[in-house]
Amino acid sequence: MLQKIKQFFARKWSRRVLLLLLCWATAHITYITYDGLHDYTGSADVAIILGNQVHADGSLSPWLQGRVDKAVDLYRQGKVKKIFASGGRGTKKDGFYPEGDAMKAYLVKQGILAADIIADNDGKNTFLTAKNFMEWNRTNGAASVIVVSQFYHITRSKYILHKLGFKTVYGASSVRYGWNDIVGTLREVPAFYKYLLFY
């Protein structure tokens, strides 16, 4: 009888914990969605583009093109002076094409001055992009940035830059959406807390 009672309470507490986690995840998703979809409308020194897939021929995936196009808009409107295009060195599937170089080539084709573009091919994740930007900025003196990514990625991107000591960070999201945004939004919850705990 005692064993059955223990099992009952164990199940009850398990349900409560699960419900609490679901409520917390829902609140987190609501916040990052709100934060990510409310673009900063002012100006900053630099736009930081977070990388994504580049094809073997150097063309940008639709997801990445949406981010880069947002940075182009910011630059053309005079809202940023420089663009820090940061990504990894690609995958074997995509011919190991460096994302930073691919973004820079696309930006130049859009009429952005090459001298105003910094291509970073060692930003294979959000932390490394932020770290590499901070290293570049030691000699460049930018005081404010706008991070450009998918809407759900904005909050974590801003967080890690703040954590590394950069104070004035804003966000602007890509206006290109897809079904994979659902998966990305769900994955962003554990990803944020991973950064909170380990970076």
N, C-alpha and C. Protein backbone atom coordinates (compact mmCIF):
# COMPACT_ATOMS: atom_id res chain seq x y z
N MET A 1 0.83 -1.20 0.00
CA MET A 1 0.00 0.00 0.00
C MET A 1 0.87 1.26 0.00
N LEU A 2 1.89 1.28 0.87
CA LEU A 2 2.80 2.42 0.97
C LEU A 2 3.51 2.67 -0.36
N GLN A 3 3.88 1.59 -1.03
CA GLN A 3 4.55 1.70 -2.31
C GLN A 3 3.64 2.36 -3.36
N LYS A 4 2.37 1.97 -3.33
CA LYS A 4 1.42 2.55 -4.27
C LYS A 4 1.22 4.05 -4.03
N ILE A 5 1.19 4.43 -2.74
CA ILE A 5 1.05 5.84 -2.40
C ILE A 5 2.26 6.63 -2.90
N LYS A 6 3.45 6.07 -2.70
CA LYS A 6 4.69 6.71 -3.17
C LYS A 6 4.65 6.89 -4.69
N GLN A 7 4.21 5.85 -5.38
CA GLN A 7 4.14 5.92 -6.83
C GLN A 7 3.15 6.99 -7.29
N PHE A 8 2.02 7.08 -6.55
CA PHE A 8 1.01 8.08 -6.90
C PHE A 8 1.58 9.50 -6.77
N PHE A 9 2.23 9.78 -5.62
CA PHE A 9 2.80 11.10 -5.43
C PHE A 9 3.94 11.38 -6.40
N ALA A 10 4.69 10.34 -6.72
CA ALA A 10 5.78 10.50 -7.69
C ALA A 10 5.22 10.91 -9.04
N ARG A 11 4.15 10.26 -9.45
CA ARG A 11 3.53 10.61 -10.73
C ARG A 11 2.94 12.01 -10.68
N LYS A 12 2.33 12.36 -9.56
CA LYS A 12 1.72 13.68 -9.42
C LYS A 12 2.77 14.78 -9.51
N TRP A 13 3.90 14.58 -8.83
CA TRP A 13 4.97 15.58 -8.87
C TRP A 13 5.60 15.63 -10.26
N SER A 14 5.66 14.48 -10.90
CA SER A 14 6.20 14.46 -12.26
C SER A 14 5.34 15.29 -13.19
N ARG A 15 4.02 15.16 -13.04
CA ARG A 15 3.11 15.96 -13.87
C ARG A 15 3.25 17.44 -13.58
N ARG A 16 3.41 17.77 -12.29
CA ARG A 16 3.56 19.17 -11.92
C ARG A 16 4.85 19.76 -12.50
N VAL A 17 5.91 19.01 -12.41
CA VAL A 17 7.20 19.48 -12.96
C VAL A 17 7.08 19.66 -14.46
N LEU A 18 6.47 18.69 -15.12
CA LEU A 18 6.30 18.78 -16.57
C LEU A 18 5.45 20.00 -16.94
N LEU A 19 4.37 20.23 -16.20
CA LEU A 19 3.51 21.38 -16.46
C LEU A 19 4.27 22.68 -16.25
N LEU A 20 5.07 22.74 -15.20
CA LEU A 20 5.87 23.93 -14.93
C LEU A 20 6.86 24.20 -16.06
N LEU A 21 7.51 23.14 -16.54
CA LEU A 21 8.47 23.30 -17.65
C LEU A 21 7.78 23.76 -18.93
N LEU A 22 6.59 23.21 -19.19
CA LEU A 22 5.85 23.62 -20.38
C LEU A 22 5.43 25.09 -20.29
N CYS A 23 5.00 25.51 -19.12
CA CYS A 23 4.61 26.91 -18.92
C CYS A 23 5.82 27.83 -19.09
N TRP A 24 6.95 27.40 -18.53
CA TRP A 24 8.18 28.20 -18.64
C TRP A 24 8.61 28.31 -20.11
N ALA A 25 8.58 27.18 -20.83
CA ALA A 25 8.98 27.19 -22.24
C ALA A 25 8.05 28.07 -23.06
N THR A 26 6.75 28.01 -22.76
CA THR A 26 5.78 28.85 -23.48
C THR A 26 6.05 30.32 -23.23
N ALA A 27 6.33 30.67 -21.99
CA ALA A 27 6.64 32.07 -21.65
C ALA A 27 7.91 32.52 -22.35
N HIS A 28 8.91 31.64 -22.39
CA HIS A 28 10.19 31.98 -23.04
C HIS A 28 9.98 32.20 -24.54
N ILE A 29 9.25 31.29 -25.17
CA ILE A 29 8.99 31.41 -26.61
C ILE A 29 8.20 32.69 -26.91
N THR A 30 7.24 33.00 -26.06
CA THR A 30 6.46 34.23 -26.24
C THR A 30 7.37 35.45 -26.18
N TYR A 31 8.27 35.45 -25.21
CA TYR A 31 9.17 36.60 -25.05
C TYR A 31 10.12 36.74 -26.23
N ILE A 32 10.79 35.64 -26.64
CA ILE A 32 11.77 35.77 -27.72
C ILE A 32 11.09 36.09 -29.06
N THR A 33 9.86 35.64 -29.22
CA THR A 33 9.12 35.98 -30.44
C THR A 33 8.79 37.47 -30.45
N TYR A 34 8.30 37.97 -29.34
CA TYR A 34 8.00 39.40 -29.24
C TYR A 34 9.26 40.23 -29.44
N ASP A 35 10.32 39.86 -28.74
CA ASP A 35 11.58 40.60 -28.82
C ASP A 35 12.15 40.57 -30.24
N GLY A 36 12.11 39.39 -30.85
CA GLY A 36 12.71 39.23 -32.17
C GLY A 36 11.95 39.92 -33.28
N LEU A 37 10.63 40.02 -33.16
CA LEU A 37 9.82 40.61 -34.21
C LEU A 37 9.68 42.13 -34.10
N HIS A 38 10.16 42.70 -33.01
CA HIS A 38 10.11 44.15 -32.84
C HIS A 38 11.48 44.74 -33.18
N ASP A 39 11.66 45.03 -34.45
CA ASP A 39 12.94 45.54 -34.93
C ASP A 39 13.24 46.92 -34.35
N TYR A 40 14.51 47.13 -34.09
CA TYR A 40 15.00 48.45 -33.70
C TYR A 40 14.91 49.37 -34.91
N THR A 41 14.38 50.56 -34.73
CA THR A 41 14.17 51.47 -35.86
C THR A 41 15.20 52.59 -35.94
N GLY A 42 16.12 52.62 -34.98
CA GLY A 42 17.14 53.65 -35.00
C GLY A 42 18.39 53.23 -35.75
N SER A 43 19.47 53.93 -35.47
CA SER A 43 20.75 53.68 -36.14
C SER A 43 21.76 53.05 -35.20
N ALA A 44 22.78 52.43 -35.78
CA ALA A 44 23.88 51.86 -35.02
C ALA A 44 25.13 51.88 -35.90
N ASP A 45 26.26 51.58 -35.31
CA ASP A 45 27.51 51.61 -36.07
C ASP A 45 27.65 50.42 -37.01
N VAL A 46 27.25 49.24 -36.55
CA VAL A 46 27.50 48.01 -37.30
C VAL A 46 26.28 47.10 -37.27
N ALA A 47 26.01 46.44 -38.38
CA ALA A 47 25.05 45.33 -38.42
C ALA A 47 25.84 44.03 -38.38
N ILE A 48 25.50 43.15 -37.48
CA ILE A 48 26.15 41.83 -37.40
C ILE A 48 25.18 40.80 -37.95
N ILE A 49 25.55 40.17 -39.06
CA ILE A 49 24.71 39.12 -39.64
C ILE A 49 25.18 37.77 -39.11
N LEU A 50 24.26 37.01 -38.53
CA LEU A 50 24.57 35.65 -38.09
C LEU A 50 24.43 34.70 -39.28
N GLY A 51 25.43 33.88 -39.50
CA GLY A 51 25.49 33.03 -40.68
C GLY A 51 24.49 31.89 -40.70
N ASN A 52 24.40 31.27 -41.87
CA ASN A 52 23.56 30.11 -42.09
C ASN A 52 24.06 29.41 -43.35
N GLN A 53 23.31 28.50 -43.89
CA GLN A 53 23.78 27.65 -44.98
C GLN A 53 24.11 28.44 -46.25
N VAL A 54 25.27 28.07 -46.82
CA VAL A 54 25.69 28.55 -48.13
C VAL A 54 25.87 27.33 -49.03
N HIS A 55 25.39 27.40 -50.27
CA HIS A 55 25.50 26.28 -51.19
C HIS A 55 26.91 26.19 -51.79
N ALA A 56 27.20 25.06 -52.40
CA ALA A 56 28.55 24.81 -52.92
C ALA A 56 28.99 25.82 -53.98
N ASP A 57 28.03 26.44 -54.67
CA ASP A 57 28.38 27.44 -55.69
C ASP A 57 28.50 28.84 -55.10
N GLY A 58 28.39 28.95 -53.77
CA GLY A 58 28.53 30.25 -53.12
C GLY A 58 27.23 31.01 -52.97
N SER A 59 26.13 30.47 -53.50
CA SER A 59 24.84 31.15 -53.36
C SER A 59 24.30 30.96 -51.94
N LEU A 60 23.54 31.92 -51.49
CA LEU A 60 23.01 31.88 -50.13
C LEU A 60 21.72 31.08 -50.08
N SER A 61 21.55 30.33 -49.01
CA SER A 61 20.26 29.66 -48.80
C SER A 61 19.19 30.73 -48.58
N PRO A 62 17.93 30.41 -48.81
CA PRO A 62 16.86 31.41 -48.59
C PRO A 62 16.88 32.01 -47.19
N TRP A 63 17.14 31.18 -46.20
CA TRP A 63 17.20 31.67 -44.81
C TRP A 63 18.27 32.73 -44.67
N LEU A 64 19.48 32.42 -45.17
CA LEU A 64 20.59 33.36 -45.03
C LEU A 64 20.37 34.59 -45.89
N GLN A 65 19.82 34.42 -47.07
CA GLN A 65 19.58 35.58 -47.93
C GLN A 65 18.62 36.57 -47.26
N GLY A 66 17.63 36.04 -46.55
CA GLY A 66 16.71 36.92 -45.83
C GLY A 66 17.43 37.78 -44.80
N ARG A 67 18.40 37.20 -44.12
CA ARG A 67 19.18 37.95 -43.14
C ARG A 67 20.03 39.02 -43.81
N VAL A 68 20.71 38.61 -44.88
CA VAL A 68 21.60 39.54 -45.58
C VAL A 68 20.80 40.68 -46.21
N ASP A 69 19.65 40.36 -46.77
CA ASP A 69 18.81 41.41 -47.35
C ASP A 69 18.37 42.42 -46.30
N LYS A 70 18.13 41.96 -45.08
CA LYS A 70 17.78 42.89 -44.00
C LYS A 70 18.94 43.83 -43.71
N ALA A 71 20.16 43.30 -43.70
CA ALA A 71 21.34 44.14 -43.47
C ALA A 71 21.53 45.14 -44.61
N VAL A 72 21.24 44.70 -45.84
CA VAL A 72 21.31 45.60 -46.99
C VAL A 72 20.35 46.77 -46.81
N ASP A 73 19.13 46.48 -46.36
CA ASP A 73 18.14 47.52 -46.13
C ASP A 73 18.64 48.52 -45.07
N LEU A 74 19.21 48.00 -44.00
CA LEU A 74 19.72 48.87 -42.93
C LEU A 74 20.82 49.78 -43.46
N TYR A 75 21.71 49.22 -44.26
CA TYR A 75 22.82 49.99 -44.82
C TYR A 75 22.30 51.06 -45.79
N ARG A 76 21.41 50.68 -46.67
CA ARG A 76 20.88 51.63 -47.66
C ARG A 76 20.11 52.77 -47.02
N GLN A 77 19.47 52.47 -45.90
CA GLN A 77 18.72 53.51 -45.19
C GLN A 77 19.61 54.37 -44.30
N GLY A 78 20.91 54.08 -44.30
CA GLY A 78 21.85 54.85 -43.49
C GLY A 78 21.78 54.53 -42.01
N LYS A 79 21.21 53.36 -41.67
CA LYS A 79 21.06 53.01 -40.26
C LYS A 79 22.29 52.30 -39.70
N VAL A 80 23.16 51.78 -40.58
CA VAL A 80 24.45 51.22 -40.15
C VAL A 80 25.53 51.67 -41.12
N LYS A 81 26.77 51.74 -40.59
CA LYS A 81 27.90 52.17 -41.41
C LYS A 81 28.73 51.00 -41.92
N LYS A 82 28.72 49.92 -41.18
CA LYS A 82 29.50 48.73 -41.52
C LYS A 82 28.63 47.49 -41.36
N ILE A 83 29.02 46.42 -42.05
CA ILE A 83 28.33 45.13 -41.92
C ILE A 83 29.35 44.06 -41.57
N PHE A 84 29.15 43.40 -40.45
CA PHE A 84 30.01 42.30 -40.00
C PHE A 84 29.29 41.00 -40.35
N ALA A 85 29.72 40.37 -41.44
CA ALA A 85 29.07 39.15 -41.94
C ALA A 85 29.80 37.94 -41.40
N SER A 86 29.18 37.22 -40.50
CA SER A 86 29.89 36.16 -39.77
C SER A 86 29.20 34.81 -39.89
N GLY A 87 29.99 33.81 -40.22
CA GLY A 87 29.47 32.44 -40.29
C GLY A 87 30.63 31.45 -40.26
N GLY A 88 30.30 30.20 -40.44
CA GLY A 88 31.31 29.15 -40.41
C GLY A 88 31.94 28.89 -41.77
N ARG A 89 32.66 27.80 -41.85
CA ARG A 89 33.37 27.45 -43.08
C ARG A 89 32.62 26.41 -43.91
N GLY A 90 31.34 26.31 -43.68
CA GLY A 90 30.52 25.41 -44.48
C GLY A 90 30.66 23.95 -44.09
N THR A 91 29.93 23.12 -44.80
CA THR A 91 29.95 21.68 -44.55
C THR A 91 30.44 20.94 -45.80
N LYS A 92 30.78 19.69 -45.64
CA LYS A 92 31.23 18.88 -46.78
C LYS A 92 30.15 18.84 -47.85
N LYS A 93 28.91 18.73 -47.41
CA LYS A 93 27.76 18.67 -48.32
C LYS A 93 27.71 19.91 -49.23
N ASP A 94 28.09 21.05 -48.68
CA ASP A 94 28.01 22.31 -49.42
C ASP A 94 29.38 22.79 -49.89
N GLY A 95 30.33 21.88 -49.96
CA GLY A 95 31.63 22.21 -50.53
C GLY A 95 32.51 23.07 -49.65
N PHE A 96 32.21 23.12 -48.35
CA PHE A 96 32.99 23.92 -47.40
C PHE A 96 33.16 25.36 -47.87
N TYR A 97 32.10 25.93 -48.40
CA TYR A 97 32.16 27.32 -48.87
C TYR A 97 32.03 28.25 -47.66
N PRO A 98 33.01 29.13 -47.41
CA PRO A 98 32.97 30.00 -46.23
C PRO A 98 31.77 30.96 -46.27
N GLU A 99 31.02 30.96 -45.20
CA GLU A 99 29.78 31.75 -45.16
C GLU A 99 30.06 33.26 -45.19
N GLY A 100 31.08 33.70 -44.47
CA GLY A 100 31.40 35.12 -44.46
C GLY A 100 31.75 35.63 -45.85
N ASP A 101 32.56 34.86 -46.59
CA ASP A 101 32.94 35.25 -47.95
C ASP A 101 31.72 35.28 -48.87
N ALA A 102 30.85 34.29 -48.73
CA ALA A 102 29.65 34.24 -49.57
C ALA A 102 28.75 35.43 -49.30
N MET A 103 28.59 35.77 -48.05
CA MET A 103 27.76 36.94 -47.71
C MET A 103 28.38 38.22 -48.25
N LYS A 104 29.70 38.35 -48.14
CA LYS A 104 30.36 39.56 -48.64
C LYS A 104 30.18 39.68 -50.15
N ALA A 105 30.35 38.58 -50.87
CA ALA A 105 30.17 38.61 -52.33
C ALA A 105 28.75 39.05 -52.69
N TYR A 106 27.77 38.53 -51.96
CA TYR A 106 26.37 38.91 -52.21
C TYR A 106 26.16 40.39 -51.90
N LEU A 107 26.71 40.85 -50.80
CA LEU A 107 26.55 42.24 -50.40
C LEU A 107 27.16 43.20 -51.42
N VAL A 108 28.33 42.84 -51.94
CA VAL A 108 28.97 43.68 -52.96
C VAL A 108 28.10 43.77 -54.21
N LYS A 109 27.48 42.63 -54.58
CA LYS A 109 26.58 42.63 -55.74
C LYS A 109 25.37 43.53 -55.51
N GLN A 110 25.01 43.73 -54.26
CA GLN A 110 23.88 44.60 -53.93
C GLN A 110 24.30 46.07 -53.83
N GLY A 111 25.56 46.34 -54.12
CA GLY A 111 26.03 47.72 -54.13
C GLY A 111 26.64 48.21 -52.84
N ILE A 112 26.87 47.30 -51.88
CA ILE A 112 27.51 47.69 -50.63
C ILE A 112 29.02 47.81 -50.86
N LEU A 113 29.63 48.88 -50.37
CA LEU A 113 31.07 49.07 -50.54
C LEU A 113 31.84 47.95 -49.85
N ALA A 114 32.79 47.35 -50.56
CA ALA A 114 33.56 46.24 -49.98
C ALA A 114 34.29 46.67 -48.71
N ALA A 115 34.71 47.94 -48.69
CA ALA A 115 35.43 48.44 -47.52
C ALA A 115 34.55 48.52 -46.28
N ASP A 116 33.24 48.48 -46.47
CA ASP A 116 32.31 48.56 -45.35
C ASP A 116 31.83 47.18 -44.89
N ILE A 117 32.41 46.12 -45.45
CA ILE A 117 32.00 44.76 -45.11
C ILE A 117 33.16 44.02 -44.46
N ILE A 118 32.92 43.42 -43.33
CA ILE A 118 33.91 42.57 -42.67
C ILE A 118 33.42 41.14 -42.76
N ALA A 119 34.18 40.28 -43.45
CA ALA A 119 33.80 38.87 -43.59
C ALA A 119 34.52 38.04 -42.54
N ASP A 120 33.76 37.39 -41.70
CA ASP A 120 34.30 36.52 -40.65
C ASP A 120 33.86 35.09 -40.96
N ASN A 121 34.84 34.23 -41.26
CA ASN A 121 34.54 32.83 -41.59
C ASN A 121 34.72 31.88 -40.41
N ASP A 122 34.99 32.43 -39.23
CA ASP A 122 35.22 31.59 -38.06
C ASP A 122 34.10 31.71 -37.03
N GLY A 123 32.96 32.25 -37.46
CA GLY A 123 31.82 32.37 -36.55
C GLY A 123 30.85 31.23 -36.73
N LYS A 124 31.29 30.03 -36.41
CA LYS A 124 30.46 28.86 -36.68
C LYS A 124 29.29 28.69 -35.70
N ASN A 125 29.27 29.49 -34.65
CA ASN A 125 28.09 29.53 -33.80
C ASN A 125 27.93 30.94 -33.25
N THR A 126 26.87 31.18 -32.52
CA THR A 126 26.55 32.53 -32.04
C THR A 126 27.64 33.07 -31.13
N PHE A 127 28.15 32.23 -30.25
CA PHE A 127 29.20 32.67 -29.33
C PHE A 127 30.45 33.10 -30.09
N LEU A 128 30.86 32.30 -31.07
CA LEU A 128 32.09 32.64 -31.80
C LEU A 128 31.92 33.89 -32.65
N THR A 129 30.73 34.09 -33.20
CA THR A 129 30.47 35.34 -33.92
C THR A 129 30.64 36.53 -32.98
N ALA A 130 30.04 36.45 -31.79
CA ALA A 130 30.16 37.54 -30.82
C ALA A 130 31.61 37.74 -30.40
N LYS A 131 32.30 36.65 -30.13
CA LYS A 131 33.71 36.72 -29.71
C LYS A 131 34.56 37.35 -30.81
N ASN A 132 34.36 36.92 -32.05
CA ASN A 132 35.16 37.45 -33.16
C ASN A 132 34.85 38.93 -33.40
N PHE A 133 33.59 39.30 -33.24
CA PHE A 133 33.25 40.71 -33.38
C PHE A 133 33.95 41.54 -32.30
N MET A 134 33.95 41.05 -31.08
CA MET A 134 34.60 41.78 -29.99
C MET A 134 36.09 41.95 -30.26
N GLU A 135 36.73 40.92 -30.80
CA GLU A 135 38.15 41.03 -31.13
C GLU A 135 38.38 42.06 -32.23
N TRP A 136 37.54 42.04 -33.28
CA TRP A 136 37.65 43.02 -34.36
C TRP A 136 37.42 44.43 -33.83
N ASN A 137 36.50 44.56 -32.90
CA ASN A 137 36.11 45.88 -32.42
C ASN A 137 37.13 46.52 -31.49
N ARG A 138 38.07 45.74 -31.00
CA ARG A 138 39.10 46.33 -30.14
C ARG A 138 39.86 47.44 -30.86
N THR A 139 40.00 47.29 -32.17
CA THR A 139 40.73 48.30 -32.94
C THR A 139 39.81 49.13 -33.84
N ASN A 140 38.51 48.94 -33.73
CA ASN A 140 37.60 49.65 -34.62
C ASN A 140 36.59 50.56 -33.90
N GLY A 141 36.38 50.32 -32.63
CA GLY A 141 35.65 51.26 -31.80
C GLY A 141 34.18 51.47 -32.06
N ALA A 142 33.49 50.45 -32.56
CA ALA A 142 32.04 50.58 -32.71
C ALA A 142 31.40 50.66 -31.33
N ALA A 143 30.41 51.53 -31.20
CA ALA A 143 29.75 51.71 -29.90
C ALA A 143 28.37 51.07 -29.84
N SER A 144 27.82 50.70 -31.01
CA SER A 144 26.48 50.12 -31.03
C SER A 144 26.35 49.17 -32.22
N VAL A 145 25.53 48.14 -32.06
CA VAL A 145 25.34 47.16 -33.13
C VAL A 145 23.87 46.78 -33.24
N ILE A 146 23.51 46.32 -34.43
CA ILE A 146 22.21 45.68 -34.66
C ILE A 146 22.49 44.26 -35.11
N VAL A 147 22.06 43.27 -34.34
CA VAL A 147 22.24 41.88 -34.76
C VAL A 147 21.10 41.50 -35.69
N VAL A 148 21.44 40.79 -36.75
CA VAL A 148 20.47 40.41 -37.77
C VAL A 148 20.43 38.90 -37.90
N SER A 149 19.26 38.32 -37.65
CA SER A 149 19.11 36.87 -37.73
C SER A 149 17.62 36.55 -37.85
N GLN A 150 17.26 35.26 -37.68
CA GLN A 150 15.85 34.91 -37.60
C GLN A 150 15.29 35.49 -36.30
N PHE A 151 14.01 35.74 -36.27
CA PHE A 151 13.40 36.44 -35.13
C PHE A 151 13.68 35.77 -33.80
N TYR A 152 13.63 34.44 -33.76
CA TYR A 152 13.78 33.74 -32.49
C TYR A 152 15.23 33.72 -31.99
N HIS A 153 16.16 34.05 -32.86
CA HIS A 153 17.59 34.00 -32.54
C HIS A 153 18.11 35.33 -32.01
N ILE A 154 17.31 36.38 -32.12
CA ILE A 154 17.75 37.72 -31.76
C ILE A 154 18.07 37.84 -30.27
N THR A 155 17.20 37.34 -29.40
CA THR A 155 17.39 37.49 -27.96
C THR A 155 18.70 36.86 -27.50
N ARG A 156 18.99 35.65 -27.96
CA ARG A 156 20.23 34.97 -27.55
C ARG A 156 21.45 35.70 -28.10
N SER A 157 21.34 36.20 -29.32
CA SER A 157 22.46 36.92 -29.93
C SER A 157 22.78 38.18 -29.15
N LYS A 158 21.74 38.90 -28.76
CA LYS A 158 21.95 40.11 -27.97
C LYS A 158 22.53 39.76 -26.60
N TYR A 159 22.02 38.68 -26.03
CA TYR A 159 22.47 38.27 -24.70
C TYR A 159 23.97 37.99 -24.67
N ILE A 160 24.46 37.23 -25.65
CA ILE A 160 25.87 36.84 -25.59
C ILE A 160 26.79 38.03 -25.83
N LEU A 161 26.38 38.98 -26.66
CA LEU A 161 27.18 40.19 -26.83
C LEU A 161 27.22 41.00 -25.54
N HIS A 162 26.08 41.10 -24.87
CA HIS A 162 26.06 41.77 -23.56
C HIS A 162 26.99 41.06 -22.58
N LYS A 163 26.92 39.74 -22.58
CA LYS A 163 27.73 38.97 -21.63
C LYS A 163 29.22 39.15 -21.88
N LEU A 164 29.60 39.36 -23.14
CA LEU A 164 31.00 39.58 -23.47
C LEU A 164 31.43 41.03 -23.27
N GLY A 165 30.50 41.87 -22.84
CA GLY A 165 30.87 43.23 -22.46
C GLY A 165 30.46 44.33 -23.40
N PHE A 166 29.72 43.99 -24.48
CA PHE A 166 29.28 45.04 -25.40
C PHE A 166 27.92 45.54 -24.92
N LYS A 167 27.80 46.83 -24.70
CA LYS A 167 26.62 47.35 -24.01
C LYS A 167 25.42 47.65 -24.89
N THR A 168 25.65 48.28 -26.04
CA THR A 168 24.52 48.79 -26.82
C THR A 168 24.23 47.87 -28.00
N VAL A 169 23.26 46.97 -27.80
CA VAL A 169 22.95 45.94 -28.78
C VAL A 169 21.46 45.97 -29.09
N TYR A 170 21.14 46.03 -30.38
CA TYR A 170 19.75 46.02 -30.84
C TYR A 170 19.55 44.83 -31.77
N GLY A 171 18.33 44.64 -32.23
CA GLY A 171 18.04 43.52 -33.11
C GLY A 171 17.16 43.91 -34.28
N ALA A 172 17.35 43.19 -35.39
CA ALA A 172 16.48 43.33 -36.56
C ALA A 172 16.39 41.95 -37.20
N SER A 173 15.19 41.48 -37.45
CA SER A 173 15.03 40.11 -37.92
C SER A 173 14.77 40.03 -39.41
N SER A 174 15.15 38.89 -39.97
CA SER A 174 14.84 38.59 -41.36
C SER A 174 13.33 38.55 -41.55
N VAL A 175 12.88 38.99 -42.72
CA VAL A 175 11.44 38.92 -42.99
C VAL A 175 11.09 37.68 -43.81
N ARG A 176 12.05 36.77 -43.93
CA ARG A 176 11.80 35.52 -44.64
C ARG A 176 11.49 34.44 -43.61
N TYR A 177 10.36 33.77 -43.78
CA TYR A 177 9.92 32.77 -42.81
C TYR A 177 9.68 31.43 -43.51
N GLY A 178 9.73 30.36 -42.72
CA GLY A 178 9.48 29.02 -43.25
C GLY A 178 9.05 28.09 -42.13
N TRP A 179 8.67 26.88 -42.53
CA TRP A 179 8.25 25.89 -41.54
C TRP A 179 9.36 25.55 -40.56
N ASN A 180 10.63 25.65 -41.02
CA ASN A 180 11.73 25.33 -40.12
C ASN A 180 11.87 26.35 -38.99
N ASP A 181 11.18 27.50 -39.09
CA ASP A 181 11.18 28.45 -37.99
C ASP A 181 10.52 27.85 -36.75
N ILE A 182 9.56 26.96 -36.95
CA ILE A 182 8.90 26.32 -35.80
C ILE A 182 9.91 25.48 -35.02
N VAL A 183 10.66 24.67 -35.75
CA VAL A 183 11.69 23.84 -35.10
C VAL A 183 12.74 24.73 -34.46
N GLY A 184 13.17 25.76 -35.20
CA GLY A 184 14.18 26.67 -34.68
C GLY A 184 13.74 27.36 -33.40
N THR A 185 12.48 27.76 -33.34
CA THR A 185 11.96 28.43 -32.15
C THR A 185 11.96 27.49 -30.96
N LEU A 186 11.56 26.24 -31.18
CA LEU A 186 11.55 25.26 -30.08
C LEU A 186 12.97 24.95 -29.61
N ARG A 187 13.90 24.85 -30.54
CA ARG A 187 15.30 24.57 -30.18
C ARG A 187 15.94 25.73 -29.45
N GLU A 188 15.42 26.93 -29.68
CA GLU A 188 16.03 28.11 -29.09
C GLU A 188 15.90 28.14 -27.57
N VAL A 189 14.90 27.47 -27.02
CA VAL A 189 14.72 27.47 -25.57
C VAL A 189 15.90 26.79 -24.88
N PRO A 190 16.24 25.52 -25.18
CA PRO A 190 17.42 24.94 -24.54
C PRO A 190 18.72 25.62 -24.95
N ALA A 191 18.77 26.14 -26.18
CA ALA A 191 19.99 26.82 -26.64
C ALA A 191 20.27 28.05 -25.80
N PHE A 192 19.24 28.82 -25.48
CA PHE A 192 19.44 30.02 -24.66
C PHE A 192 20.00 29.66 -23.29
N TYR A 193 19.44 28.63 -22.67
CA TYR A 193 19.90 28.27 -21.32
C TYR A 193 21.26 27.60 -21.34
N LYS A 194 21.60 26.97 -22.44
CA LYS A 194 22.97 26.46 -22.61
C LYS A 194 23.95 27.64 -22.59
N TYR A 195 23.63 28.71 -23.30
CA TYR A 195 24.49 29.88 -23.32
C TYR A 195 24.51 30.56 -21.95
N LEU A 196 23.38 30.57 -21.29
CA LEU A 196 23.30 31.18 -19.96
C LEU A 196 24.21 30.46 -18.98
N LEU A 197 24.30 29.13 -19.09
CA LEU A 197 25.03 28.34 -18.11
C LEU A 197 26.50 28.11 -18.47
N PHE A 198 26.80 27.97 -19.76
CA PHE A 198 28.13 27.49 -20.14
C PHE A 198 29.01 28.50 -20.88
N TYR A 199 28.47 29.63 -21.28
CA TYR A 199 29.31 30.60 -22.00
C TYR A 199 29.52 31.86 -21.17
